[in-house]
Structures are given as structure tokens and as C-alpha cells.
Amino acid sequence: MYMPKHFHEPDLATLHDLMQSYNFATVVTQHEGAPFATHTPLILAPDEGPYGTLYGHIARANPQWRAFEAGQEALIIFQGPHTYVSPSWYEEELSVPTWNYTAVHAYGIPRLVTDHAEFSTLLETLVRTHESQFPKPWPFQLPADYVHKMMRGIVGFGMQITRLEGKYKLSQNRSRTDQEHVAATLQQSADPLSRDVGLLMQQRQAARRV
């Protein structure tokens, strides 16, 4: 992606944190000569490979899995917190609106998960990852024949990441005063995503002062 140097985020742990916190991703490949995208939740195995490995599943009726089968490279996009930034929050009056955002792009060649035991583990891990946020997690205890029937309708895949790009556009091109004011203003927003951006900006500003 387009990457001005002051927005580049090279820290692997930071990128992994975003990918795990905002794991409903967009998987992009080519299908019949045109871009093709699927929106799906993914799980990250951070220690598998130099940048980690992603696992997920899509509907068997979705033709995108044929691109995986053919060994086509995929782009997987993770969108973190983002928000509108008003020029009225800057010291300099002659300014324009912008958008602050965080995003990670992961590249690799997906492979199909055809082993039944591996696929079952993938699905159980995905479910348990999300159920863990609830006081009484759903136990994932279903009749085996029902699970097998449901699994026939989906295709599992894994993608070892070969290239990872992180972009954190958080007003780094503005003065420190502007950055602090934008962060403080966003923290007062009624929009939770805006507050998330403001908090992230404040955390990074504090880290720079240490």
C-alpha cells in the first residue's frame, strides 16, 4: 500500500496486536481476471513463520477457494480504528480535513486445510477465541455427525505470511501540539472508534516521551 515513511509501523508485535484485536478481515485474490474479496474472521498463529500464519474458512460455494487451490497469492486486509479529523482542531487555520486510521496488509499463498483433524482444531480455536469474551462461553459440544455435515459446506485454509505492512496514520505529520489536541478531542467523542484512535495516539505520544 501507499506508505509515507512517517506513517510506517514496522513493529511486528504492534501489527499482530491489531490483527488479533480486529480479526474480521478482507481476503483479496483474483477470480476470472478481476479482484475478488471475501470478508471473514481469521485467527493468527504468531509463531508460525517469520510473520505468523493466518487461519480461517470460507463457504464451499464461494469460488475464492479455487484461487487458494491454484496457489495464487492473496492480500489480507485488517482495518483497525479509524476516524475523521476536523481542521478546526489544529493550531493553523489554513488546514483541511483528513482521516486518521490504522491498517495491516498481509501477503502470502493460502493453502487448503484438507486434514479433518487440523480443520476441526482450526474451527474449535476460532470459536473458543471469540467465546472467551463471554462469562459463560458456548462449550462447542455438538453431535459428531452434525459437525461433519456443517463442515462439508465450508473450506478451511491457512496462509503463512510472507510480507507484512502496517500503516498507522495518526497525525504524525502535524506538530506535537496538534497531535496532542487531536488525541484529546477524539477522546471526548461519542463514537467508540474515534475514542480508540484518540487513546492510541495518546499512548504513542506518551511512549515517545519516555
Foldseek 3Di string as FASTA:
>chain_A
DDADPLFWDDDLVVVLVLCLVQQQKWKWFDDPRHIDIDTFGWDWPCPDAPNTKIKDKDFPVDVVVVQLVVQTKMKIKGWAFKDKFQPVLDPDNPDHIDMWTKMKIFMFRKHWDPDPVVVVVRVVVVQCSVQVVDPDRDPPDDDPVVVVVVPVGMIMIMTDTPDMTIGGRQPSVGDPSSSLSCLVVLCPDPDPSSVVSSVVSVVVVVVVVD
